[in-house]
């Protein structure tokens, strides 16, 4: 991952070795490889043949900072029509993921299904819940697809299009402050939510 490569480059430039980060990075990559094999090869594996589905992990799993105490924040990302089989696919993924790592946090933001329509189209306004904002921002900041990434790549690209191309002040450079305002606002909303939840 880009972040890990940056850390390795920084270590080399400074002439140091951060042993704990290296250990976490190696553990994370090993666990992600194991998880990908389990999600594709086992008899209980979810049937993810559609380009409309991706299994996505967040947090320490995506940052290469996994420890034995890390939870497994994950979702079955659906970018297409809803189908009754999605629930069974999610349950199969849940069984495998949570057998290999700690379950997601009790807030229930992760560990289920997430639909691209909500992530892409419910930016701001009363329909944009704290859970939806959290999923969307973490999808941009710290996430990685396990296995097939077509749906994941498409959703990330479409979220960025909404934030950058549809913010006319940003896109047209009509302001002295060239900052994507809706994206900045959602970063602030996300961190406020984190602070309140932590407190």
N, C-alpha and C. Protein backbone atom coordinates (compact mmCIF):
# COMPACT_ATOMS: atom_id res chain seq x y z
N UNK A 1 0.84 -1.19 0.00
CA UNK A 1 0.00 0.00 0.00
C UNK A 1 0.88 1.25 0.00
N UNK A 2 0.34 2.34 -0.49
CA UNK A 2 1.10 3.59 -0.62
C UNK A 2 1.61 4.09 0.73
N UNK A 3 0.75 3.99 1.75
CA UNK A 3 1.14 4.50 3.06
C UNK A 3 2.35 3.72 3.59
N UNK A 4 2.31 2.40 3.49
CA UNK A 4 3.41 1.59 3.98
C UNK A 4 4.69 1.89 3.22
N UNK A 5 4.58 2.06 1.90
CA UNK A 5 5.76 2.41 1.12
C UNK A 5 6.34 3.74 1.58
N UNK A 6 5.47 4.70 1.91
CA UNK A 6 5.93 6.00 2.40
C UNK A 6 6.66 5.85 3.73
N UNK A 7 6.14 5.00 4.59
CA UNK A 7 6.78 4.78 5.89
C UNK A 7 8.15 4.14 5.70
N UNK A 8 8.25 3.18 4.80
CA UNK A 8 9.54 2.53 4.52
C UNK A 8 10.52 3.56 3.97
N UNK A 9 10.07 4.40 3.05
CA UNK A 9 10.93 5.46 2.49
C UNK A 9 11.42 6.40 3.60
N UNK A 10 10.51 6.79 4.50
CA UNK A 10 10.87 7.69 5.59
C UNK A 10 11.88 7.02 6.53
N UNK A 11 11.67 5.73 6.82
CA UNK A 11 12.63 4.99 7.63
C UNK A 11 14.03 5.03 7.00
N UNK A 12 14.07 4.79 5.69
CA UNK A 12 15.36 4.76 4.99
C UNK A 12 16.02 6.13 5.01
N UNK A 13 15.25 7.18 4.80
CA UNK A 13 15.82 8.54 4.79
C UNK A 13 16.34 8.94 6.16
N UNK A 14 15.65 8.50 7.21
CA UNK A 14 16.06 8.86 8.57
C UNK A 14 17.09 7.89 9.14
N UNK A 15 17.28 6.76 8.46
CA UNK A 15 18.22 5.77 8.95
C UNK A 15 17.76 5.08 10.22
N UNK A 16 16.44 4.86 10.32
CA UNK A 16 15.87 4.21 11.51
C UNK A 16 15.04 3.01 11.06
N UNK A 17 14.66 2.20 12.04
CA UNK A 17 13.73 1.10 11.76
C UNK A 17 12.67 1.09 12.85
N UNK A 18 11.42 1.25 12.45
CA UNK A 18 10.31 1.22 13.38
C UNK A 18 9.78 -0.21 13.42
N UNK A 19 10.28 -0.95 14.39
CA UNK A 19 10.04 -2.39 14.48
C UNK A 19 8.55 -2.70 14.64
N UNK A 20 7.87 -1.94 15.49
CA UNK A 20 6.46 -2.24 15.76
C UNK A 20 5.59 -1.99 14.52
N UNK A 21 5.90 -0.93 13.79
CA UNK A 21 5.16 -0.67 12.54
C UNK A 21 5.43 -1.76 11.51
N UNK A 22 6.69 -2.21 11.45
CA UNK A 22 7.04 -3.28 10.52
C UNK A 22 6.31 -4.57 10.88
N UNK A 23 6.27 -4.88 12.17
CA UNK A 23 5.56 -6.08 12.63
C UNK A 23 4.08 -6.01 12.28
N UNK A 24 3.48 -4.85 12.54
CA UNK A 24 2.06 -4.67 12.22
C UNK A 24 1.81 -4.77 10.72
N UNK A 25 2.71 -4.20 9.94
CA UNK A 25 2.58 -4.24 8.47
C UNK A 25 2.63 -5.69 7.97
N UNK A 26 3.58 -6.47 8.49
CA UNK A 26 3.71 -7.86 8.07
C UNK A 26 2.50 -8.69 8.51
N UNK A 27 2.03 -8.46 9.74
CA UNK A 27 0.85 -9.17 10.24
C UNK A 27 -0.37 -8.83 9.39
N UNK A 28 -0.54 -7.54 9.06
CA UNK A 28 -1.70 -7.11 8.28
C UNK A 28 -1.71 -7.78 6.92
N UNK A 29 -0.58 -7.77 6.26
CA UNK A 29 -0.53 -8.35 4.91
C UNK A 29 -0.78 -9.86 4.95
N UNK A 30 -0.24 -10.51 5.97
CA UNK A 30 -0.48 -11.95 6.13
C UNK A 30 -1.96 -12.22 6.35
N UNK A 31 -2.59 -11.43 7.24
CA UNK A 31 -4.01 -11.62 7.55
C UNK A 31 -4.89 -11.31 6.35
N UNK A 32 -4.53 -10.26 5.59
CA UNK A 32 -5.32 -9.94 4.39
C UNK A 32 -5.23 -11.04 3.35
N UNK A 33 -4.02 -11.61 3.18
CA UNK A 33 -3.84 -12.73 2.25
C UNK A 33 -4.66 -13.94 2.70
N UNK A 34 -4.61 -14.25 4.00
CA UNK A 34 -5.39 -15.37 4.54
C UNK A 34 -6.88 -15.13 4.33
N UNK A 35 -7.29 -13.89 4.59
CA UNK A 35 -8.70 -13.55 4.45
C UNK A 35 -9.15 -13.68 3.00
N UNK A 36 -8.33 -13.21 2.08
CA UNK A 36 -8.69 -13.31 0.66
C UNK A 36 -8.81 -14.77 0.23
N UNK A 37 -7.89 -15.62 0.69
CA UNK A 37 -7.97 -17.05 0.36
C UNK A 37 -9.25 -17.66 0.93
N UNK A 38 -9.54 -17.32 2.18
CA UNK A 38 -10.74 -17.89 2.82
C UNK A 38 -12.02 -17.42 2.13
N UNK A 39 -12.02 -16.17 1.69
CA UNK A 39 -13.22 -15.61 1.06
C UNK A 39 -13.42 -16.10 -0.37
N UNK A 40 -12.40 -16.72 -0.93
CA UNK A 40 -12.53 -17.18 -2.32
C UNK A 40 -12.44 -18.70 -2.45
N UNK A 41 -11.70 -19.35 -1.56
CA UNK A 41 -11.40 -20.77 -1.75
C UNK A 41 -12.20 -21.73 -0.88
N UNK A 42 -12.70 -21.28 0.26
CA UNK A 42 -13.34 -22.23 1.18
C UNK A 42 -14.73 -22.61 0.70
N UNK A 43 -15.24 -23.72 1.20
CA UNK A 43 -16.58 -24.18 0.81
C UNK A 43 -17.67 -23.23 1.30
N UNK A 44 -17.38 -22.48 2.37
CA UNK A 44 -18.33 -21.50 2.90
C UNK A 44 -18.17 -20.12 2.29
N UNK A 45 -17.28 -19.99 1.32
CA UNK A 45 -16.97 -18.67 0.76
C UNK A 45 -18.20 -18.03 0.15
N UNK A 46 -18.33 -16.71 0.33
CA UNK A 46 -19.45 -16.01 -0.31
C UNK A 46 -19.30 -16.04 -1.82
N UNK A 47 -20.40 -16.07 -2.53
CA UNK A 47 -20.38 -16.10 -3.99
C UNK A 47 -20.29 -14.68 -4.52
N UNK A 48 -19.07 -14.22 -4.79
CA UNK A 48 -18.87 -12.87 -5.28
C UNK A 48 -18.35 -12.95 -6.70
N UNK A 49 -19.26 -13.24 -7.61
CA UNK A 49 -18.87 -13.31 -9.01
C UNK A 49 -19.29 -12.04 -9.75
N UNK A 50 -20.16 -11.26 -9.13
CA UNK A 50 -20.68 -10.05 -9.77
C UNK A 50 -19.69 -8.91 -9.65
N UNK A 51 -19.61 -8.09 -10.70
CA UNK A 51 -18.76 -6.90 -10.66
C UNK A 51 -19.42 -5.80 -9.84
N UNK A 52 -20.61 -6.06 -9.30
CA UNK A 52 -21.33 -5.08 -8.48
C UNK A 52 -21.04 -5.25 -7.00
N UNK A 53 -20.19 -6.22 -6.63
CA UNK A 53 -19.91 -6.48 -5.21
C UNK A 53 -18.42 -6.44 -4.93
N UNK A 54 -18.08 -5.87 -3.79
CA UNK A 54 -16.70 -5.92 -3.27
C UNK A 54 -16.77 -6.07 -1.76
N UNK A 55 -15.86 -6.85 -1.21
CA UNK A 55 -15.69 -6.88 0.25
C UNK A 55 -14.58 -5.89 0.58
N UNK A 56 -14.88 -4.97 1.47
CA UNK A 56 -13.97 -3.88 1.79
C UNK A 56 -13.64 -3.91 3.27
N UNK A 57 -12.36 -3.76 3.61
CA UNK A 57 -11.94 -3.62 5.00
C UNK A 57 -11.45 -2.20 5.23
N UNK A 58 -11.59 -1.75 6.47
CA UNK A 58 -11.27 -0.38 6.85
C UNK A 58 -10.28 -0.38 8.01
N UNK A 59 -9.92 0.81 8.45
CA UNK A 59 -9.14 0.98 9.66
C UNK A 59 -7.77 0.33 9.60
N UNK A 60 -7.38 -0.31 10.69
CA UNK A 60 -6.03 -0.88 10.80
C UNK A 60 -5.79 -1.96 9.75
N UNK A 61 -6.85 -2.64 9.32
CA UNK A 61 -6.73 -3.64 8.25
C UNK A 61 -6.29 -2.99 6.94
N UNK A 62 -6.72 -1.76 6.72
CA UNK A 62 -6.37 -1.04 5.48
C UNK A 62 -5.10 -0.22 5.63
N UNK A 63 -4.80 0.23 6.84
CA UNK A 63 -3.62 1.08 7.08
C UNK A 63 -2.34 0.27 7.27
N UNK A 64 -2.44 -1.05 7.28
CA UNK A 64 -1.30 -1.92 7.58
C UNK A 64 -0.83 -1.74 9.03
N UNK A 65 -1.79 -1.58 9.95
CA UNK A 65 -1.45 -1.38 11.35
C UNK A 65 -2.16 -2.38 12.25
N UNK A 66 -2.43 -3.55 11.74
CA UNK A 66 -3.18 -4.56 12.48
C UNK A 66 -2.38 -5.07 13.68
N UNK A 67 -3.08 -5.25 14.80
CA UNK A 67 -2.50 -5.91 15.98
C UNK A 67 -3.48 -7.01 16.40
N UNK A 68 -3.09 -7.77 17.40
CA UNK A 68 -3.96 -8.85 17.87
C UNK A 68 -5.25 -8.31 18.48
N UNK A 69 -5.27 -7.04 18.88
CA UNK A 69 -6.46 -6.45 19.49
C UNK A 69 -7.35 -5.69 18.49
N UNK A 70 -6.92 -5.60 17.24
CA UNK A 70 -7.69 -4.84 16.26
C UNK A 70 -9.01 -5.53 15.93
N UNK A 71 -10.04 -4.70 15.72
CA UNK A 71 -11.30 -5.27 15.25
C UNK A 71 -11.31 -5.27 13.73
N UNK A 72 -12.28 -5.97 13.17
CA UNK A 72 -12.34 -6.11 11.72
C UNK A 72 -13.50 -5.28 11.18
N UNK A 73 -13.24 -4.01 10.92
CA UNK A 73 -14.25 -3.17 10.30
C UNK A 73 -14.31 -3.52 8.81
N UNK A 74 -15.44 -3.99 8.35
CA UNK A 74 -15.58 -4.46 6.97
C UNK A 74 -17.01 -4.21 6.51
N UNK A 75 -17.21 -4.28 5.21
CA UNK A 75 -18.56 -4.21 4.66
C UNK A 75 -18.61 -4.94 3.33
N UNK A 76 -19.79 -5.42 3.00
CA UNK A 76 -20.06 -5.90 1.65
C UNK A 76 -20.59 -4.70 0.90
N UNK A 77 -19.79 -4.16 -0.01
CA UNK A 77 -20.15 -2.97 -0.76
C UNK A 77 -20.91 -3.39 -2.01
N UNK A 78 -22.12 -2.84 -2.17
CA UNK A 78 -22.99 -3.20 -3.29
C UNK A 78 -23.18 -1.99 -4.18
N UNK A 79 -22.76 -2.11 -5.42
CA UNK A 79 -22.91 -1.02 -6.40
C UNK A 79 -23.74 -1.53 -7.57
N UNK A 80 -25.01 -1.68 -7.33
CA UNK A 80 -25.91 -2.19 -8.36
C UNK A 80 -27.28 -2.44 -7.76
N UNK A 81 -28.10 -3.17 -8.46
CA UNK A 81 -29.45 -3.46 -8.00
C UNK A 81 -29.42 -4.34 -6.76
N UNK A 82 -30.34 -4.09 -5.85
CA UNK A 82 -30.47 -4.94 -4.67
C UNK A 82 -30.97 -6.32 -5.09
N UNK A 83 -30.44 -7.35 -4.44
CA UNK A 83 -30.81 -8.72 -4.78
C UNK A 83 -30.93 -9.51 -3.47
N UNK A 84 -31.92 -10.39 -3.36
CA UNK A 84 -32.07 -11.18 -2.13
C UNK A 84 -30.82 -11.97 -1.75
N UNK A 85 -30.02 -12.39 -2.74
CA UNK A 85 -28.81 -13.17 -2.43
C UNK A 85 -27.74 -12.36 -1.71
N UNK A 86 -27.84 -11.03 -1.74
CA UNK A 86 -26.83 -10.20 -1.08
C UNK A 86 -26.77 -10.49 0.41
N UNK A 87 -27.92 -10.75 1.01
CA UNK A 87 -27.94 -11.01 2.45
C UNK A 87 -27.17 -12.28 2.78
N UNK A 88 -27.39 -13.34 2.00
CA UNK A 88 -26.67 -14.59 2.23
C UNK A 88 -25.16 -14.40 1.99
N UNK A 89 -24.82 -13.64 0.96
CA UNK A 89 -23.41 -13.34 0.68
C UNK A 89 -22.78 -12.63 1.86
N UNK A 90 -23.49 -11.65 2.42
CA UNK A 90 -22.98 -10.91 3.58
C UNK A 90 -22.80 -11.83 4.78
N UNK A 91 -23.76 -12.73 5.03
CA UNK A 91 -23.65 -13.64 6.16
C UNK A 91 -22.47 -14.60 6.01
N UNK A 92 -22.22 -15.07 4.80
CA UNK A 92 -21.07 -15.96 4.55
C UNK A 92 -19.76 -15.21 4.80
N UNK A 93 -19.70 -13.96 4.30
CA UNK A 93 -18.49 -13.14 4.51
C UNK A 93 -18.29 -12.89 6.00
N UNK A 94 -19.36 -12.55 6.69
CA UNK A 94 -19.30 -12.26 8.14
C UNK A 94 -18.74 -13.46 8.90
N UNK A 95 -19.23 -14.65 8.58
CA UNK A 95 -18.79 -15.87 9.27
C UNK A 95 -17.28 -16.07 9.11
N UNK A 96 -16.80 -15.87 7.90
CA UNK A 96 -15.37 -16.08 7.62
C UNK A 96 -14.52 -14.98 8.25
N UNK A 97 -14.90 -13.73 8.06
CA UNK A 97 -14.10 -12.60 8.55
C UNK A 97 -14.02 -12.62 10.07
N UNK A 98 -15.17 -12.81 10.72
CA UNK A 98 -15.19 -12.72 12.18
C UNK A 98 -14.66 -13.99 12.85
N UNK A 99 -14.47 -15.05 12.07
CA UNK A 99 -13.80 -16.24 12.59
C UNK A 99 -12.29 -16.01 12.65
N UNK A 100 -11.78 -15.17 11.73
CA UNK A 100 -10.34 -14.94 11.64
C UNK A 100 -9.87 -13.70 12.40
N UNK A 101 -10.80 -12.85 12.83
CA UNK A 101 -10.38 -11.63 13.54
C UNK A 101 -11.50 -11.17 14.46
N UNK A 102 -11.20 -10.18 15.27
CA UNK A 102 -12.19 -9.66 16.20
C UNK A 102 -13.35 -9.02 15.44
N UNK A 103 -14.58 -9.11 15.97
CA UNK A 103 -15.73 -8.52 15.27
C UNK A 103 -15.64 -6.99 15.24
N UNK A 104 -16.43 -6.36 14.36
CA UNK A 104 -16.44 -4.89 14.30
C UNK A 104 -16.94 -4.28 15.61
N UNK A 105 -16.74 -2.96 15.73
CA UNK A 105 -17.19 -2.25 16.93
C UNK A 105 -18.69 -2.34 17.13
N UNK A 106 -19.14 -2.06 18.34
CA UNK A 106 -20.55 -2.23 18.69
C UNK A 106 -21.47 -1.17 18.08
N UNK A 107 -20.88 -0.13 17.45
CA UNK A 107 -21.71 0.92 16.85
C UNK A 107 -22.48 0.40 15.64
N UNK A 108 -22.08 -0.75 15.09
CA UNK A 108 -22.72 -1.41 13.94
C UNK A 108 -22.63 -0.58 12.66
N UNK A 109 -21.59 0.26 12.57
CA UNK A 109 -21.34 0.99 11.33
C UNK A 109 -20.82 0.02 10.28
N UNK A 110 -20.11 -1.00 10.73
CA UNK A 110 -19.50 -1.98 9.83
C UNK A 110 -20.00 -3.38 10.16
N UNK A 111 -19.61 -4.34 9.32
CA UNK A 111 -20.00 -5.72 9.56
C UNK A 111 -21.29 -6.12 8.88
N UNK A 112 -21.67 -5.39 7.82
CA UNK A 112 -22.91 -5.70 7.10
C UNK A 112 -22.80 -5.27 5.65
N UNK A 113 -23.92 -4.76 5.13
CA UNK A 113 -23.96 -4.32 3.73
C UNK A 113 -23.96 -2.79 3.67
N UNK A 114 -23.34 -2.25 2.64
CA UNK A 114 -23.41 -0.82 2.36
C UNK A 114 -23.72 -0.66 0.88
N UNK A 115 -24.67 0.22 0.58
CA UNK A 115 -25.10 0.43 -0.80
C UNK A 115 -24.52 1.73 -1.34
N UNK A 116 -24.01 1.65 -2.55
CA UNK A 116 -23.35 2.81 -3.16
C UNK A 116 -24.27 4.00 -3.32
N UNK A 117 -25.56 3.76 -3.54
CA UNK A 117 -26.48 4.87 -3.74
C UNK A 117 -26.44 5.84 -2.55
N UNK A 118 -26.47 5.29 -1.35
CA UNK A 118 -26.44 6.12 -0.14
C UNK A 118 -25.10 6.84 -0.02
N UNK A 119 -24.02 6.12 -0.30
CA UNK A 119 -22.68 6.72 -0.16
C UNK A 119 -22.45 7.84 -1.17
N UNK A 120 -22.92 7.65 -2.39
CA UNK A 120 -22.65 8.61 -3.46
C UNK A 120 -23.67 9.75 -3.46
N UNK A 121 -24.94 9.44 -3.21
CA UNK A 121 -25.98 10.45 -3.41
C UNK A 121 -26.49 11.11 -2.14
N UNK A 122 -26.20 10.56 -0.99
CA UNK A 122 -26.69 11.19 0.24
C UNK A 122 -25.54 11.92 0.95
N UNK A 123 -24.97 12.86 0.25
CA UNK A 123 -23.91 13.69 0.82
C UNK A 123 -24.56 14.94 1.37
N UNK A 124 -24.50 15.10 2.69
CA UNK A 124 -25.13 16.25 3.33
C UNK A 124 -26.63 16.05 3.46
N UNK A 125 -27.25 16.95 4.18
CA UNK A 125 -28.70 16.87 4.37
C UNK A 125 -29.08 15.90 5.45
N UNK A 126 -30.37 15.86 5.74
CA UNK A 126 -30.84 15.06 6.88
C UNK A 126 -30.78 13.56 6.62
N UNK A 127 -30.72 13.13 5.36
CA UNK A 127 -30.64 11.70 5.07
C UNK A 127 -29.22 11.15 5.19
N UNK A 128 -28.25 12.03 5.33
CA UNK A 128 -26.86 11.59 5.45
C UNK A 128 -26.55 11.35 6.92
N UNK A 129 -26.71 10.11 7.36
CA UNK A 129 -26.53 9.77 8.76
C UNK A 129 -25.04 9.77 9.14
N UNK A 130 -24.77 9.74 10.44
CA UNK A 130 -23.39 9.65 10.91
C UNK A 130 -22.73 8.37 10.39
N UNK A 131 -23.48 7.27 10.36
CA UNK A 131 -22.92 6.01 9.86
C UNK A 131 -22.57 6.11 8.39
N UNK A 132 -23.43 6.74 7.61
CA UNK A 132 -23.18 6.88 6.17
C UNK A 132 -21.97 7.77 5.92
N UNK A 133 -21.88 8.88 6.66
CA UNK A 133 -20.73 9.78 6.52
C UNK A 133 -19.44 9.05 6.89
N UNK A 134 -19.48 8.30 7.99
CA UNK A 134 -18.30 7.55 8.44
C UNK A 134 -17.86 6.55 7.38
N UNK A 135 -18.80 5.78 6.84
CA UNK A 135 -18.44 4.80 5.81
C UNK A 135 -17.83 5.50 4.59
N UNK A 136 -18.44 6.61 4.18
CA UNK A 136 -17.97 7.31 2.97
C UNK A 136 -16.57 7.89 3.18
N UNK A 137 -16.35 8.55 4.30
CA UNK A 137 -15.05 9.18 4.54
C UNK A 137 -13.97 8.12 4.72
N UNK A 138 -14.28 7.05 5.44
CA UNK A 138 -13.27 6.00 5.61
C UNK A 138 -13.03 5.24 4.32
N UNK A 139 -14.03 5.18 3.45
CA UNK A 139 -13.82 4.58 2.13
C UNK A 139 -12.74 5.35 1.39
N UNK A 140 -12.74 6.68 1.56
CA UNK A 140 -11.73 7.52 0.91
C UNK A 140 -10.39 7.51 1.64
N UNK A 141 -10.42 7.50 2.97
CA UNK A 141 -9.19 7.68 3.75
C UNK A 141 -8.44 6.39 4.04
N UNK A 142 -9.16 5.35 4.42
CA UNK A 142 -8.46 4.13 4.85
C UNK A 142 -9.32 2.90 4.59
N UNK A 143 -9.24 2.43 3.36
CA UNK A 143 -9.98 1.22 3.01
C UNK A 143 -9.22 0.49 1.91
N UNK A 144 -9.52 -0.80 1.78
CA UNK A 144 -8.95 -1.60 0.70
C UNK A 144 -9.92 -2.74 0.41
N UNK A 145 -10.05 -3.08 -0.87
CA UNK A 145 -10.91 -4.20 -1.24
C UNK A 145 -10.14 -5.50 -1.07
N UNK A 146 -10.83 -6.52 -0.58
CA UNK A 146 -10.26 -7.85 -0.46
C UNK A 146 -10.78 -8.64 -1.66
N UNK A 147 -9.88 -9.04 -2.52
CA UNK A 147 -10.31 -9.74 -3.73
C UNK A 147 -10.74 -8.77 -4.81
N UNK A 148 -11.85 -9.09 -5.45
CA UNK A 148 -12.34 -8.28 -6.57
C UNK A 148 -12.61 -6.83 -6.16
N UNK A 149 -12.07 -5.88 -6.91
CA UNK A 149 -12.18 -4.47 -6.51
C UNK A 149 -12.94 -3.60 -7.51
N UNK A 150 -13.61 -4.20 -8.48
CA UNK A 150 -14.26 -3.39 -9.52
C UNK A 150 -15.32 -2.47 -8.92
N UNK A 151 -16.22 -3.00 -8.10
CA UNK A 151 -17.26 -2.17 -7.48
C UNK A 151 -16.63 -1.12 -6.57
N UNK A 152 -15.66 -1.54 -5.78
CA UNK A 152 -14.97 -0.63 -4.86
C UNK A 152 -14.35 0.54 -5.62
N UNK A 153 -13.59 0.25 -6.67
CA UNK A 153 -12.93 1.31 -7.45
C UNK A 153 -13.96 2.28 -8.04
N UNK A 154 -15.05 1.73 -8.54
CA UNK A 154 -16.09 2.56 -9.16
C UNK A 154 -16.76 3.47 -8.13
N UNK A 155 -17.05 2.95 -6.94
CA UNK A 155 -17.72 3.75 -5.90
C UNK A 155 -16.81 4.87 -5.41
N UNK A 156 -15.54 4.55 -5.16
CA UNK A 156 -14.60 5.59 -4.72
C UNK A 156 -14.51 6.70 -5.76
N UNK A 157 -14.40 6.31 -7.03
CA UNK A 157 -14.32 7.30 -8.11
C UNK A 157 -15.58 8.16 -8.16
N UNK A 158 -16.75 7.56 -7.99
CA UNK A 158 -18.00 8.33 -8.05
C UNK A 158 -18.19 9.24 -6.85
N UNK A 159 -17.72 8.82 -5.69
CA UNK A 159 -17.78 9.70 -4.52
C UNK A 159 -16.90 10.93 -4.76
N UNK A 160 -15.69 10.70 -5.25
CA UNK A 160 -14.79 11.82 -5.53
C UNK A 160 -15.36 12.75 -6.59
N UNK A 161 -16.03 12.20 -7.59
CA UNK A 161 -16.67 13.04 -8.61
C UNK A 161 -17.71 13.96 -7.97
N UNK A 162 -18.51 13.40 -7.07
CA UNK A 162 -19.53 14.22 -6.41
C UNK A 162 -18.88 15.34 -5.60
N UNK A 163 -17.84 15.02 -4.86
CA UNK A 163 -17.19 16.03 -4.02
C UNK A 163 -16.46 17.10 -4.85
N UNK A 164 -15.80 16.69 -5.92
CA UNK A 164 -14.92 17.61 -6.63
C UNK A 164 -15.57 18.26 -7.85
N UNK A 165 -16.26 17.49 -8.66
CA UNK A 165 -16.80 18.02 -9.91
C UNK A 165 -18.10 18.78 -9.72
N UNK A 166 -18.87 18.40 -8.69
CA UNK A 166 -20.16 19.05 -8.50
C UNK A 166 -20.11 20.21 -7.53
N UNK A 167 -18.97 20.48 -6.95
CA UNK A 167 -18.78 21.67 -6.11
C UNK A 167 -18.33 22.78 -7.07
N UNK A 168 -19.29 23.56 -7.55
CA UNK A 168 -19.01 24.52 -8.62
C UNK A 168 -17.98 25.56 -8.22
N UNK A 169 -17.99 25.99 -6.97
CA UNK A 169 -16.99 26.95 -6.51
C UNK A 169 -15.59 26.37 -6.63
N UNK A 170 -15.47 25.09 -6.29
CA UNK A 170 -14.17 24.42 -6.39
C UNK A 170 -13.82 24.14 -7.85
N UNK A 171 -14.77 23.57 -8.59
CA UNK A 171 -14.50 23.16 -9.97
C UNK A 171 -14.19 24.35 -10.87
N UNK A 172 -14.87 25.47 -10.63
CA UNK A 172 -14.69 26.66 -11.49
C UNK A 172 -13.65 27.63 -10.95
N UNK A 173 -13.07 27.29 -9.81
CA UNK A 173 -12.06 28.16 -9.18
C UNK A 173 -12.56 29.59 -9.01
N UNK A 174 -13.80 29.72 -8.54
CA UNK A 174 -14.39 31.05 -8.37
C UNK A 174 -14.19 31.60 -6.96
N UNK A 175 -13.41 30.92 -6.16
CA UNK A 175 -13.17 31.39 -4.80
C UNK A 175 -11.67 31.58 -4.58
N UNK A 176 -11.33 32.48 -3.66
CA UNK A 176 -9.92 32.67 -3.30
C UNK A 176 -9.37 31.43 -2.59
N UNK A 177 -10.26 30.70 -1.93
CA UNK A 177 -9.87 29.50 -1.19
C UNK A 177 -10.26 28.29 -2.03
N UNK A 178 -9.27 27.69 -2.67
CA UNK A 178 -9.56 26.59 -3.60
C UNK A 178 -9.57 25.27 -2.83
N UNK A 179 -10.68 25.07 -2.11
CA UNK A 179 -10.84 23.88 -1.28
C UNK A 179 -12.21 23.28 -1.59
N UNK A 180 -12.30 21.97 -1.79
CA UNK A 180 -13.62 21.34 -1.99
C UNK A 180 -14.42 21.40 -0.69
N UNK A 181 -15.38 22.31 -0.63
CA UNK A 181 -16.06 22.63 0.63
C UNK A 181 -16.87 21.48 1.20
N UNK A 182 -17.57 20.72 0.34
CA UNK A 182 -18.39 19.63 0.86
C UNK A 182 -17.52 18.51 1.42
N UNK A 183 -16.40 18.27 0.78
CA UNK A 183 -15.46 17.27 1.29
C UNK A 183 -14.87 17.73 2.62
N UNK A 184 -14.47 18.98 2.68
CA UNK A 184 -13.93 19.54 3.93
C UNK A 184 -14.98 19.46 5.04
N UNK A 185 -16.22 19.80 4.72
CA UNK A 185 -17.30 19.73 5.70
C UNK A 185 -17.48 18.31 6.22
N UNK A 186 -17.42 17.33 5.31
CA UNK A 186 -17.61 15.95 5.75
C UNK A 186 -16.44 15.42 6.56
N UNK A 187 -15.23 15.88 6.27
CA UNK A 187 -14.10 15.54 7.14
C UNK A 187 -14.36 16.05 8.55
N UNK A 188 -14.81 17.30 8.64
CA UNK A 188 -15.10 17.89 9.96
C UNK A 188 -16.23 17.14 10.65
N UNK A 189 -17.28 16.80 9.92
CA UNK A 189 -18.41 16.05 10.50
C UNK A 189 -17.93 14.68 11.01
N UNK A 190 -17.09 14.02 10.21
CA UNK A 190 -16.60 12.70 10.60
C UNK A 190 -15.80 12.80 11.90
N UNK A 191 -14.86 13.74 11.96
CA UNK A 191 -14.02 13.84 13.16
C UNK A 191 -14.82 14.28 14.38
N UNK A 192 -15.85 15.11 14.16
CA UNK A 192 -16.72 15.48 15.28
C UNK A 192 -17.46 14.24 15.78
N UNK A 193 -17.98 13.42 14.87
CA UNK A 193 -18.66 12.20 15.25
C UNK A 193 -17.72 11.28 16.03
N UNK A 194 -16.48 11.15 15.56
CA UNK A 194 -15.50 10.32 16.26
C UNK A 194 -15.26 10.83 17.68
N UNK A 195 -15.11 12.14 17.80
CA UNK A 195 -14.83 12.74 19.11
C UNK A 195 -16.01 12.52 20.06
N UNK A 196 -17.22 12.72 19.58
CA UNK A 196 -18.42 12.53 20.42
C UNK A 196 -18.57 11.07 20.81
N UNK A 197 -18.40 10.15 19.84
CA UNK A 197 -18.50 8.72 20.15
C UNK A 197 -17.45 8.29 21.15
N UNK A 198 -16.23 8.80 21.00
CA UNK A 198 -15.14 8.44 21.91
C UNK A 198 -15.46 8.95 23.32
N UNK A 199 -15.95 10.20 23.40
CA UNK A 199 -16.29 10.77 24.71
C UNK A 199 -17.42 9.99 25.36
